[in-house]
Structure formats: structure tokens, C-alpha cells
Amino acid sequence: MKIGVCGIACEKCPRMVKGQCPAGPDGCVPRENKFCKICTCAFEKGKRLCFECEQFPCELTKTGPISYGYCTFLAGKD
């Protein structure tokens, strides 16, 4: 199972399911990505997954695809 930078399983990502993933069949990896601000942010901070960041959850994670409430739960900030 591939996990995207945002933490969602690629196989469950709506874009991947529709065949519209901008990263193709490999899924999201940290890199400059005009379609995904989360990928770009992780790349700039040298993180593989956004929830590895000390600032997680942040304003950017409010944009989804994972619910912000779940992000705060994962971070122990609920």
C-alpha cells in the first residue's frame, strides 16, 4: 500500500481512483507539485509525510484531503 505525503492511502485517494493523480501511478512523494501544496510543503521542509512535521497540523492541513479534526487527533492536540 502506498501512502501519500498527506497520509492518505493512495488507493483511497479520490484523484488516484479517478486516474487523475498528478504524480501518476506512483502516487504522491515530496516534490515541487503545483497540484498539491502539501507535497510542496513537505519537500521544502525535508519531510516524507506531512505529519512528521513539528508544525502539524497547520493551516495547510485544513485544506484536506484528511479532515482537520483527524489531524489534530493524530497530533494529540484535540
Protein backbone atom coordinates (compact mmCIF):
# COMPACT_ATOMS: atom_id res chain seq x y z
CA MET A 1 0.00 0.00 0.00
CA LYS A 2 1.36 3.41 -0.97
CA ILE A 3 0.89 6.31 1.42
CA GLY A 4 0.76 9.84 0.05
CA VAL A 5 2.53 12.78 1.65
CA CYS A 6 -0.75 13.85 3.24
CA GLY A 7 -1.05 10.46 4.99
CA ILE A 8 -3.93 9.07 2.96
CA ALA A 9 -3.59 5.66 1.31
CA CYS A 10 -3.11 6.34 -2.40
CA GLU A 11 -5.58 3.58 -3.26
CA LYS A 12 -8.30 5.53 -1.38
CA CYS A 13 -7.42 8.98 -2.72
CA PRO A 14 -10.23 10.31 -4.94
CA ARG A 15 -7.74 11.59 -7.53
CA MET A 16 -5.92 8.25 -7.73
CA VAL A 17 -9.19 6.31 -8.01
CA LYS A 18 -10.30 8.53 -10.91
CA GLY A 19 -6.90 8.16 -12.60
CA GLN A 20 -6.25 11.88 -12.13
CA CYS A 21 -3.29 11.75 -9.76
CA PRO A 22 -0.79 14.35 -10.97
CA ALA A 23 2.03 12.04 -9.81
CA GLY A 24 0.71 9.12 -11.85
CA PRO A 25 0.56 5.54 -10.59
CA ASP A 26 3.47 6.10 -8.17
CA GLY A 27 1.36 8.40 -6.02
CA CYS A 28 2.48 11.46 -4.08
CA VAL A 29 6.03 11.98 -2.97
CA PRO A 30 7.58 15.13 -1.52
CA ARG A 31 8.44 17.34 -4.51
CA GLU A 32 7.50 20.62 -6.11
CA ASN A 33 3.90 19.98 -7.13
CA LYS A 34 1.64 22.72 -8.45
CA PHE A 35 -1.38 20.48 -7.84
CA CYS A 36 -0.61 19.67 -4.19
CA LYS A 37 0.56 22.28 -1.70
CA ILE A 38 1.08 19.54 0.89
CA CYS A 39 3.63 17.75 -1.36
CA THR A 40 5.46 21.01 -1.99
CA CYS A 41 5.49 21.95 1.71
CA ALA A 42 6.87 18.54 2.74
CA PHE A 43 9.53 18.81 0.03
CA GLU A 44 10.58 22.27 1.21
CA LYS A 45 10.79 21.09 4.83
CA GLY A 46 12.57 17.82 4.03
CA LYS A 47 9.73 15.62 5.34
CA ARG A 48 8.37 12.45 3.74
CA LEU A 49 4.93 12.75 5.38
CA CYS A 50 3.31 15.97 6.49
CA PHE A 51 2.53 14.60 9.96
CA GLU A 52 6.27 14.20 10.60
CA CYS A 53 6.47 17.99 10.73
CA GLU A 54 6.74 19.74 14.10
CA GLN A 55 4.08 22.24 12.94
CA PHE A 56 1.50 19.53 12.12
CA PRO A 57 -1.41 20.16 11.99
CA CYS A 58 -1.16 23.56 10.36
CA GLU A 59 -3.28 25.88 8.27
CA LEU A 60 -2.31 23.95 5.14
CA THR A 61 -3.67 20.67 6.51
CA LYS A 62 -7.08 22.35 6.85
CA THR A 63 -7.34 22.13 3.06
CA GLY A 64 -7.56 18.32 3.21
CA PRO A 65 -7.77 15.65 1.97
CA ILE A 66 -7.74 14.30 5.55
CA SER A 67 -10.15 16.01 7.95
CA TYR A 68 -8.53 18.61 10.16
CA GLY A 69 -10.17 17.06 13.23
CA TYR A 70 -8.42 13.77 12.48
CA CYS A 71 -5.12 15.65 12.02
CA THR A 72 -5.47 17.23 15.47
CA PHE A 73 -6.32 13.81 16.92
CA LEU A 74 -3.17 12.27 15.36
CA ALA A 75 -1.07 15.10 16.74
CA GLY A 76 -2.59 14.73 20.22
CA LYS A 77 -3.89 18.30 20.05
CA ASP A 78 -7.61 17.60 20.22
